PDB file of N, CA and C in Angstrom:
ATOM      1  N   MET A   1       1.000  -1.169   0.039  1.00  0.00           N
ATOM      2  CA  MET A   1       0.086   0.062  -0.028  1.00  0.00           C
ATOM      3  C   MET A   1       0.752   1.218  -0.049  1.00  0.00           C
ATOM      4  N   LEU A   2       0.438   2.155  -0.826  1.00  0.00           N
ATOM      5  CA  LEU A   2       1.204   3.419  -0.970  1.00  0.00           C
ATOM      6  C   LEU A   2       0.720   4.548  -0.060  1.00  0.00           C
ATOM      7  N   ASN A   3       1.503   5.406   0.347  1.00  0.00           N
ATOM      8  CA  ASN A   3       0.902   6.564   1.161  1.00  0.00           C
ATOM      9  C   ASN A   3       0.470   7.518   0.054  1.00  0.00           C
ATOM     10  N   ILE A   4      -0.555   8.500   0.420  1.00  0.00           N
ATOM     11  CA  ILE A   4      -0.945   9.615  -0.258  1.00  0.00           C
ATOM     12  C   ILE A   4      -0.553  10.961   0.229  1.00  0.00           C
ATOM     13  N   GLU A   5       0.115  11.770  -0.387  1.00  0.00           N
ATOM     14  CA  GLU A   5       0.615  13.124   0.008  1.00  0.00           C
ATOM     15  C   GLU A   5       0.159  14.094  -1.079  1.00  0.00           C
ATOM     16  N   TYR A   6      -0.136  15.227  -0.537  1.00  0.00           N
ATOM     17  CA  TYR A   6      -0.579  16.180  -1.444  1.00  0.00           C
ATOM     18  C   TYR A   6       0.306  17.746  -1.370  1.00  0.00           C
ATOM     19  N   LEU A   7       0.629  17.991  -2.430  1.00  0.00           N
ATOM     20  CA  LEU A   7       1.186  19.456  -2.624  1.00  0.00           C
ATOM     21  C   LEU A   7       0.432  20.460  -2.049  1.00  0.00           C
ATOM     22  N   PRO A   8       0.818  21.313  -1.308  1.00  0.00           N
ATOM     23  CA  PRO A   8      -0.093  22.427  -0.747  1.00  0.00           C
ATOM     24  C   PRO A   8      -1.030  22.983  -1.836  1.00  0.00           C
ATOM     25  N   VAL A   9      -0.664  23.187  -2.985  1.00  0.00           N
ATOM     26  CA  VAL A   9      -1.523  23.725  -4.131  1.00  0.00           C
ATOM     27  C   VAL A   9      -2.769  22.634  -4.416  1.00  0.00           C
ATOM     28  N   ALA A  10      -2.401  21.519  -4.228  1.00  0.00           N
ATOM     29  CA  ALA A  10      -3.614  20.299  -4.329  1.00  0.00           C
ATOM     30  C   ALA A  10      -4.365  20.351  -3.449  1.00  0.00           C
ATOM     31  N   LYS A  11      -4.073  20.555  -2.089  1.00  0.00           N
ATOM     32  CA  LYS A  11      -4.754  20.620  -0.972  1.00  0.00           C
ATOM     33  C   LYS A  11      -5.727  21.745  -1.105  1.00  0.00           C
ATOM     34  N   LYS A  12      -5.148  22.921  -1.484  1.00  0.00           N
ATOM     35  CA  LYS A  12      -6.080  24.031  -1.597  1.00  0.00           C
ATOM     36  C   LYS A  12      -7.169  23.961  -2.691  1.00  0.00           C
ATOM     37  N   GLU A  13      -6.866  23.150  -3.896  1.00  0.00           N
ATOM     38  CA  GLU A  13      -7.627  23.082  -4.841  1.00  0.00           C
ATOM     39  C   GLU A  13      -8.701  22.003  -4.461  1.00  0.00           C
ATOM     40  N   LEU A  14      -8.465  20.929  -3.736  1.00  0.00           N
ATOM     41  CA  LEU A  14      -9.489  20.076  -3.012  1.00  0.00           C
ATOM     42  C   LEU A  14     -10.232  20.686  -2.294  1.00  0.00           C
ATOM     43  N   GLU A  15      -9.887  21.634  -1.401  1.00  0.00           N
ATOM     44  CA  GLU A  15     -10.819  22.263  -0.572  1.00  0.00           C
ATOM     45  C   GLU A  15     -11.879  22.836  -1.050  1.00  0.00           C
ATOM     46  N   LYS A  16     -11.663  23.605  -2.522  1.00  0.00           N
ATOM     47  CA  LYS A  16     -12.507  24.416  -3.120  1.00  0.00           C
ATOM     48  C   LYS A  16     -13.684  23.625  -3.836  1.00  0.00           C
ATOM     49  N   ILE A  17     -13.317  22.357  -3.846  1.00  0.00           N
ATOM     50  CA  ILE A  17     -14.375  21.530  -4.665  1.00  0.00           C
ATOM     51  C   ILE A  17     -15.571  21.100  -3.628  1.00  0.00           C
ATOM     52  N   ASP A  18     -16.857  20.825  -4.180  1.00  0.00           N
ATOM     53  CA  ASP A  18     -17.850  20.463  -3.458  1.00  0.00           C
ATOM     54  C   ASP A  18     -17.633  19.200  -2.587  1.00  0.00           C
ATOM     55  N   LYS A  19     -18.129  19.120  -1.384  1.00  0.00           N
ATOM     56  CA  LYS A  19     -17.732  18.076  -0.419  1.00  0.00           C
ATOM     57  C   LYS A  19     -17.999  16.735  -1.015  1.00  0.00           C
ATOM     58  N   ILE A  20     -19.070  16.569  -1.862  1.00  0.00           N
ATOM     59  CA  ILE A  20     -19.438  15.351  -2.551  1.00  0.00           C
ATOM     60  C   ILE A  20     -18.310  14.726  -3.401  1.00  0.00           C
ATOM     61  N   TRP A  21     -17.824  15.752  -4.096  1.00  0.00           N
ATOM     62  CA  TRP A  21     -16.767  15.379  -5.040  1.00  0.00           C
ATOM     63  C   TRP A  21     -15.431  15.148  -4.342  1.00  0.00           C
ATOM     64  N   GLN A  22     -15.130  15.882  -3.242  1.00  0.00           N
ATOM     65  CA  GLN A  22     -14.085  15.678  -2.358  1.00  0.00           C
ATOM     66  C   GLN A  22     -13.896  14.279  -1.858  1.00  0.00           C
ATOM     67  N   LYS A  23     -15.096  13.652  -1.312  1.00  0.00           N
ATOM     68  CA  LYS A  23     -15.247  12.423  -0.958  1.00  0.00           C
ATOM     69  C   LYS A  23     -14.823  11.458  -2.139  1.00  0.00           C
ATOM     70  N   LYS A  24     -15.384  11.714  -3.427  1.00  0.00           N
ATOM     71  CA  LYS A  24     -15.264  10.680  -4.431  1.00  0.00           C
ATOM     72  C   LYS A  24     -13.870  10.756  -4.790  1.00  0.00           C
ATOM     73  N   ILE A  25     -13.189  11.911  -4.787  1.00  0.00           N
ATOM     74  CA  ILE A  25     -11.616  12.130  -5.169  1.00  0.00           C
ATOM     75  C   ILE A  25     -10.753  11.306  -4.162  1.00  0.00           C
ATOM     76  N   LYS A  26     -11.213  11.565  -2.925  1.00  0.00           N
ATOM     77  CA  LYS A  26     -10.444  11.003  -1.816  1.00  0.00           C
ATOM     78  C   LYS A  26     -10.544   9.226  -1.922  1.00  0.00           C
ATOM     79  N   LYS A  27     -11.779   8.810  -2.284  1.00  0.00           N
ATOM     80  CA  LYS A  27     -12.241   7.465  -2.142  1.00  0.00           C
ATOM     81  C   LYS A  27     -11.301   6.725  -3.272  1.00  0.00           C
ATOM     82  N   ASN A  28     -11.337   7.476  -4.543  1.00  0.00           N
ATOM     83  CA  ASN A  28     -10.391   6.880  -5.702  1.00  0.00           C
ATOM     84  C   ASN A  28      -8.942   7.048  -5.368  1.00  0.00           C
ATOM     85  N   LEU A  29      -8.471   7.925  -4.666  1.00  0.00           N
ATOM     86  CA  LEU A  29      -7.367   8.126  -4.509  1.00  0.00           C
ATOM     87  C   LEU A  29      -6.913   6.907  -3.398  1.00  0.00           C
ATOM     88  N   GLN A  30      -7.687   6.543  -2.470  1.00  0.00           N
ATOM     89  CA  GLN A  30      -7.437   5.484  -1.488  1.00  0.00           C
ATOM     90  C   GLN A  30      -7.467   4.071  -2.318  1.00  0.00           C
ATOM     91  N   MET A  31      -8.306   3.857  -3.313  1.00  0.00           N
ATOM     92  CA  MET A  31      -8.438   2.803  -3.932  1.00  0.00           C
ATOM     93  C   MET A  31      -7.182   2.487  -4.922  1.00  0.00           C
ATOM     94  N   LEU A  32      -6.500   3.883  -5.284  1.00  0.00           N
ATOM     95  CA  LEU A  32      -5.264   3.565  -6.087  1.00  0.00           C
ATOM     96  C   LEU A  32      -4.285   3.533  -5.356  1.00  0.00           C
ATOM     97  N   SER A  33      -4.130   3.955  -4.006  1.00  0.00           N
ATOM     98  CA  SER A  33      -3.067   3.411  -3.124  1.00  0.00           C
ATOM     99  C   SER A  33      -3.214   1.944  -2.698  1.00  0.00           C
ATOM    100  N   GLU A  34      -4.342   1.308  -2.672  1.00  0.00           N
ATOM    101  CA  GLU A  34      -4.384  -0.103  -2.163  1.00  0.00           C
ATOM    102  C   GLU A  34      -4.145  -1.045  -3.473  1.00  0.00           C
ATOM    103  N   ASN A  35      -5.022  -0.486  -4.575  1.00  0.00           N
ATOM    104  CA  ASN A  35      -4.766  -1.514  -5.600  1.00  0.00           C
ATOM    105  C   ASN A  35      -5.119  -0.801  -7.009  1.00  0.00           C
ATOM    106  N   PRO A  36      -4.023  -0.251  -7.454  1.00  0.00           N
ATOM    107  CA  PRO A  36      -4.092   0.485  -8.799  1.00  0.00           C
ATOM    108  C   PRO A  36      -4.774  -0.261 -10.139  1.00  0.00           C
ATOM    109  N   ALA A  37      -4.862  -1.535 -10.073  1.00  0.00           N
ATOM    110  CA  ALA A  37      -5.527  -2.317 -10.973  1.00  0.00           C
ATOM    111  C   ALA A  37      -6.811  -2.142 -11.043  1.00  0.00           C
ATOM    112  N   LEU A  38      -7.570  -1.713  -9.903  1.00  0.00           N
ATOM    113  CA  LEU A  38      -8.871  -1.523 -10.077  1.00  0.00           C
ATOM    114  C   LEU A  38      -9.444  -0.269 -10.815  1.00  0.00           C
ATOM    115  N   LEU A  39      -8.415   0.848 -11.017  1.00  0.00           N
ATOM    116  CA  LEU A  39      -8.693   1.908 -11.577  1.00  0.00           C
ATOM    117  C   LEU A  39      -7.953   2.091 -13.023  1.00  0.00           C
ATOM    118  N   LYS A  40      -7.477   1.051 -13.587  1.00  0.00           N
ATOM    119  CA  LYS A  40      -6.682   1.076 -14.752  1.00  0.00           C
ATOM    120  C   LYS A  40      -7.386   1.743 -15.918  1.00  0.00           C
ATOM    121  N   ASN A  41      -8.705   1.845 -15.891  1.00  0.00           N
ATOM    122  CA  ASN A  41      -9.546   2.319 -16.991  1.00  0.00           C
ATOM    123  C   ASN A  41      -9.739   3.932 -16.853  1.00  0.00           C
ATOM    124  N   LYS A  42      -9.097   4.388 -15.681  1.00  0.00           N
ATOM    125  CA  LYS A  42      -9.379   5.822 -15.325  1.00  0.00           C
ATOM    126  C   LYS A  42      -8.032   6.392 -15.157  1.00  0.00           C
ATOM    127  N   ILE A  43      -6.891   5.646 -15.505  1.00  0.00           N
ATOM    128  CA  ILE A  43      -5.629   6.441 -15.333  1.00  0.00           C
ATOM    129  C   ILE A  43      -5.094   6.529 -16.819  1.00  0.00           C
ATOM    130  N   THR A  44      -4.495   7.606 -16.893  1.00  0.00           N
ATOM    131  CA  THR A  44      -3.640   7.814 -18.283  1.00  0.00           C
ATOM    132  C   THR A  44      -2.393   8.367 -17.871  1.00  0.00           C
ATOM    133  N   LYS A  45      -1.324   8.087 -18.579  1.00  0.00           N
ATOM    134  CA  LYS A  45       0.112   8.559 -18.259  1.00  0.00           C
ATOM    135  C   LYS A  45       0.103   9.756 -19.339  1.00  0.00           C
ATOM    136  N   LEU A  46       0.625  10.891 -18.826  1.00  0.00           N
ATOM    137  CA  LEU A  46       0.808  12.082 -19.530  1.00  0.00           C
ATOM    138  C   LEU A  46       1.962  11.756 -20.268  1.00  0.00           C
ATOM    139  N   LYS A  47       2.185  12.725 -21.301  1.00  0.00           N
ATOM    140  CA  LYS A  47       3.227  12.627 -22.534  1.00  0.00           C
ATOM    141  C   LYS A  47       4.238  14.048 -22.488  1.00  0.00           C
ATOM    142  N   GLY A  48       5.047  14.020 -23.154  1.00  0.00           N
ATOM    143  CA  GLY A  48       6.198  15.062 -23.249  1.00  0.00           C
ATOM    144  C   GLY A  48       6.928  15.276 -22.064  1.00  0.00           C
ATOM    145  N   LYS A  49       7.105  16.503 -21.739  1.00  0.00           N
ATOM    146  CA  LYS A  49       7.883  16.779 -20.438  1.00  0.00           C
ATOM    147  C   LYS A  49       7.088  16.318 -19.112  1.00  0.00           C
ATOM    148  N   TYR A  50       5.916  15.889 -19.115  1.00  0.00           N
ATOM    149  CA  TYR A  50       5.295  15.495 -18.165  1.00  0.00           C
ATOM    150  C   TYR A  50       5.031  14.068 -18.030  1.00  0.00           C
ATOM    151  N   LYS A  51       5.951  13.382 -18.658  1.00  0.00           N
ATOM    152  CA  LYS A  51       5.977  11.787 -18.670  1.00  0.00           C
ATOM    153  C   LYS A  51       6.015  11.115 -17.470  1.00  0.00           C
ATOM    154  N   ASP A  52       6.594  11.933 -16.477  1.00  0.00           N
ATOM    155  CA  ASP A  52       6.478  11.033 -15.118  1.00  0.00           C
ATOM    156  C   ASP A  52       5.125  11.243 -14.306  1.00  0.00           C
ATOM    157  N   TYR A  53       4.203  11.732 -14.919  1.00  0.00           N
ATOM    158  CA  TYR A  53       2.894  12.080 -14.221  1.00  0.00           C
ATOM    159  C   TYR A  53       1.827  11.342 -14.727  1.00  0.00           C
ATOM    160  N   PHE A  54       0.605  10.986 -13.976  1.00  0.00           N
ATOM    161  CA  PHE A  54      -0.297  10.420 -14.314  1.00  0.00           C
ATOM    162  C   PHE A  54      -1.634  11.330 -14.210  1.00  0.00           C
ATOM    163  N   ARG A  55      -2.719  11.086 -14.702  1.00  0.00           N
ATOM    164  CA  ARG A  55      -3.939  11.618 -14.728  1.00  0.00           C
ATOM    165  C   ARG A  55      -5.072  10.708 -14.324  1.00  0.00           C
ATOM    166  N   LEU A  56      -5.645  11.124 -13.100  1.00  0.00           N
ATOM    167  CA  LEU A  56      -6.817  10.091 -12.729  1.00  0.00           C
ATOM    168  C   LEU A  56      -8.024  10.907 -12.867  1.00  0.00           C
ATOM    169  N   ARG A  57      -9.077  10.257 -13.585  1.00  0.00           N
ATOM    170  CA  ARG A  57     -10.341  10.762 -13.908  1.00  0.00           C
ATOM    171  C   ARG A  57     -11.431  10.370 -12.859  1.00  0.00           C
ATOM    172  N   VAL A  58     -11.978  11.518 -12.328  1.00  0.00           N
ATOM    173  CA  VAL A  58     -13.124  11.384 -11.297  1.00  0.00           C
ATOM    174  C   VAL A  58     -14.078  12.284 -11.721  1.00  0.00           C
ATOM    175  N   GLY A  59     -15.118  11.588 -12.306  1.00  0.00           N
ATOM    176  CA  GLY A  59     -16.245  12.309 -12.843  1.00  0.00           C
ATOM    177  C   GLY A  59     -15.605  13.506 -13.825  1.00  0.00           C
ATOM    178  N   ASN A  60     -15.992  14.936 -13.709  1.00  0.00           N
ATOM    179  CA  ASN A  60     -15.345  15.822 -14.213  1.00  0.00           C
ATOM    180  C   ASN A  60     -14.219  16.409 -13.899  1.00  0.00           C
ATOM    181  N   TYR A  61     -13.600  15.788 -12.846  1.00  0.00           N
ATOM    182  CA  TYR A  61     -12.440  16.365 -12.188  1.00  0.00           C
ATOM    183  C   TYR A  61     -11.355  15.539 -12.493  1.00  0.00           C
ATOM    184  N   ARG A  62     -10.083  15.944 -12.541  1.00  0.00           N
ATOM    185  CA  ARG A  62      -8.847  15.179 -12.937  1.00  0.00           C
ATOM    186  C   ARG A  62      -7.887  15.537 -11.969  1.00  0.00           C
ATOM    187  N   VAL A  63      -7.339  14.386 -11.456  1.00  0.00           N
ATOM    188  CA  VAL A  63      -6.138  14.380 -10.460  1.00  0.00           C
ATOM    189  C   VAL A  63      -4.875  14.207 -11.026  1.00  0.00           C
ATOM    190  N   ILE A  64      -3.913  15.064 -10.881  1.00  0.00           N
ATOM    191  CA  ILE A  64      -2.583  14.821 -11.543  1.00  0.00           C
ATOM    192  C   ILE A  64      -1.805  14.363 -10.477  1.00  0.00           C
ATOM    193  N   PHE A  65      -1.041  13.327 -10.589  1.00  0.00           N
ATOM    194  CA  PHE A  65      -0.121  12.613  -9.546  1.00  0.00           C
ATOM    195  C   PHE A  65       1.159  12.024 -10.150  1.00  0.00           C
ATOM    196  N   ARG A  66       2.104  11.827  -9.354  1.00  0.00           N
ATOM    197  CA  ARG A  66       3.044  10.950  -9.822  1.00  0.00           C
ATOM    198  C   ARG A  66       3.383  10.014  -8.567  1.00  0.00           C
ATOM    199  N   VAL A  67       4.041   8.881  -8.945  1.00  0.00           N
ATOM    200  CA  VAL A  67       4.400   7.708  -8.054  1.00  0.00           C
ATOM    201  C   VAL A  67       5.753   7.647  -7.792  1.00  0.00           C
ATOM    202  N   GLU A  68       6.084   7.958  -6.554  1.00  0.00           N
ATOM    203  CA  GLU A  68       7.513   7.943  -5.869  1.00  0.00           C
ATOM    204  C   GLU A  68       7.834   6.543  -5.425  1.00  0.00           C
ATOM    205  N   LYS A  69       8.345   5.651  -5.978  1.00  0.00           N
ATOM    206  CA  LYS A  69       8.504   4.299  -5.594  1.00  0.00           C
ATOM    207  C   LYS A  69       9.400   4.168  -4.376  1.00  0.00           C
ATOM    208  N   LYS A  70      10.429   5.028  -4.445  1.00  0.00           N
ATOM    209  CA  LYS A  70      11.703   4.907  -3.480  1.00  0.00           C
ATOM    210  C   LYS A  70      10.942   5.278  -2.138  1.00  0.00           C
ATOM    211  N   LYS A  71       9.970   6.225  -2.093  1.00  0.00           N
ATOM    212  CA  LYS A  71       9.218   6.552  -0.761  1.00  0.00           C
ATOM    213  C   LYS A  71       8.095   5.760  -0.473  1.00  0.00           C
ATOM    214  N   LEU A  72       7.445   5.047  -1.431  1.00  0.00           N
ATOM    215  CA  LEU A  72       6.361   4.417  -1.517  1.00  0.00           C
ATOM    216  C   LEU A  72       5.133   5.321  -1.261  1.00  0.00           C
ATOM    217  N   VAL A  73       5.025   6.488  -2.140  1.00  0.00           N
ATOM    218  CA  VAL A  73       4.101   7.567  -1.961  1.00  0.00           C
ATOM    219  C   VAL A  73       3.502   7.897  -3.336  1.00  0.00           C
ATOM    220  N   ILE A  74       2.252   8.205  -3.314  1.00  0.00           N
ATOM    221  CA  ILE A  74       1.512   8.820  -4.294  1.00  0.00           C
ATOM    222  C   ILE A  74       1.344  10.418  -4.133  1.00  0.00           C
ATOM    223  N   LEU A  75       2.085  11.138  -4.714  1.00  0.00           N
ATOM    224  CA  LEU A  75       2.230  12.571  -4.546  1.00  0.00           C
ATOM    225  C   LEU A  75       1.132  13.215  -5.612  1.00  0.00           C
ATOM    226  N   VAL A  76       0.058  13.846  -4.918  1.00  0.00           N
ATOM    227  CA  VAL A  76      -0.985  14.380  -5.729  1.00  0.00           C
ATOM    228  C   VAL A  76      -0.254  15.846  -5.907  1.00  0.00           C
ATOM    229  N   VAL A  77      -0.460  16.285  -7.287  1.00  0.00           N
ATOM    230  CA  VAL A  77       0.229  17.268  -7.633  1.00  0.00           C
ATOM    231  C   VAL A  77      -0.760  18.679  -8.019  1.00  0.00           C
ATOM    232  N   ARG A  78      -2.063  18.148  -8.570  1.00  0.00           N
ATOM    233  CA  ARG A  78      -2.971  19.200  -8.895  1.00  0.00           C
ATOM    234  C   ARG A  78      -4.249  18.416  -9.017  1.00  0.00           C
ATOM    235  N   ILE A  79      -5.444  19.180  -8.808  1.00  0.00           N
ATOM    236  CA  ILE A  79      -6.711  18.859  -8.949  1.00  0.00           C
ATOM    237  C   ILE A  79      -7.522  19.712  -9.570  1.00  0.00           C
ATOM    238  N   ALA A  80      -8.064  19.468 -10.572  1.00  0.00           N
ATOM    239  CA  ALA A  80      -8.861  20.430 -11.432  1.00  0.00           C
ATOM    240  C   ALA A  80     -10.091  19.871 -12.090  1.00  0.00           C
ATOM    241  N   HIS A  81     -10.938  20.934 -12.328  1.00  0.00           N
ATOM    242  CA  HIS A  81     -11.947  20.427 -13.301  1.00  0.00           C
ATOM    243  C   HIS A  81     -11.407  20.366 -14.572  1.00  0.00           C
ATOM    244  N   ARG A  82     -12.171  19.429 -15.489  1.00  0.00           N
ATOM    245  CA  ARG A  82     -11.495  19.090 -16.765  1.00  0.00           C
ATOM    246  C   ARG A  82     -11.489  20.314 -17.648  1.00  0.00           C
ATOM    247  N   LYS A  83     -12.182  21.150 -17.573  1.00  0.00           N
ATOM    248  CA  LYS A  83     -12.293  22.292 -18.478  1.00  0.00           C
ATOM    249  C   LYS A  83     -10.964  23.196 -18.205  1.00  0.00           C
ATOM    250  N   ASN A  84     -10.336  23.306 -16.971  1.00  0.00           N
ATOM    251  CA  ASN A  84      -9.273  24.037 -16.425  1.00  0.00           C
ATOM    252  C   ASN A  84      -8.135  23.196 -16.397  1.00  0.00           C
ATOM    253  N   LEU A  85      -8.080  21.728 -16.982  1.00  0.00           N
ATOM    254  CA  LEU A  85      -6.929  21.000 -16.879  1.00  0.00           C
ATOM    255  C   LEU A  85      -5.579  21.472 -17.570  1.00  0.00           C
ATOM    256  N   GLN A  86      -5.867  21.753 -18.824  1.00  0.00           N
ATOM    257  CA  GLN A  86      -4.591  22.252 -19.551  1.00  0.00           C
ATOM    258  C   GLN A  86      -3.836  23.406 -18.710  1.00  0.00           C
ATOM    259  N   LYS A  87      -4.520  24.314 -18.470  1.00  0.00           N
ATOM    260  CA  LYS A  87      -4.020  25.546 -17.623  1.00  0.00           C
ATOM    261  C   LYS A  87      -3.235  25.020 -16.339  1.00  0.00           C
ATOM    262  N   GLN A  88      -3.840  23.967 -15.758  1.00  0.00           N
ATOM    263  CA  GLN A  88      -3.206  23.569 -14.382  1.00  0.00           C
ATOM    264  C   GLN A  88      -2.024  22.794 -14.656  1.00  0.00           C
ATOM    265  N   ILE A  89      -2.044  22.108 -15.754  1.00  0.00           N
ATOM    266  CA  ILE A  89      -0.858  21.230 -16.057  1.00  0.00           C
ATOM    267  C   ILE A  89       0.456  22.023 -16.557  1.00  0.00           C
ATOM    268  N   ARG A  90       0.048  23.114 -17.132  1.00  0.00           N
ATOM    269  CA  ARG A  90       1.113  24.157 -17.676  1.00  0.00           C
ATOM    270  C   ARG A  90       1.737  24.884 -16.573  1.00  0.00           C
ATOM    271  N   GLU A  91       0.993  24.897 -15.593  1.00  0.00           N
ATOM    272  CA  GLU A  91       1.648  25.554 -14.186  1.00  0.00           C
ATOM    273  C   GLU A  91       2.394  24.596 -13.271  1.00  0.00           C
ATOM    274  N   LEU A  92       2.517  23.257 -13.746  1.00  0.00           N
ATOM    275  CA  LEU A  92       3.226  22.417 -12.708  1.00  0.00           C
ATOM    276  C   LEU A  92       4.776  22.985 -12.422  1.00  0.00           C
ATOM    277  N   LYS A  93       5.072  22.852 -11.097  1.00  0.00           N
ATOM    278  CA  LYS A  93       6.473  23.419 -10.786  1.00  0.00           C
ATOM    279  C   LYS A  93       7.098  22.176 -10.196  1.00  0.00           C
ATOM    280  N   TYR A  94       6.457  20.928 -10.074  1.00  0.00           N
ATOM    281  CA  TYR A  94       7.330  20.084  -9.150  1.00  0.00           C
ATOM    282  C   TYR A  94       7.825  19.011 -10.083  1.00  0.00           C
TER     283      TYR A  94
END
């Protein structure tokens, strides 16, 4: 099982989302940490300079994360509505 960590930006973005979607996003991240195979149809590997990152689809929201195997951590980098996703990805600083 992998631990889940959030960058401060991702935490703020999660807090701005409706409580119902917050629960769904957290539930999906928990499932991802326990058994990633269950969500294989919802996960996409990003391309180009973001090739180390993945995108998890939860309804109309997208969670950008990367897996740090040395630390056994899923690092949540950004959380955004799908219409704002491209802007959020361009702003990745990690």
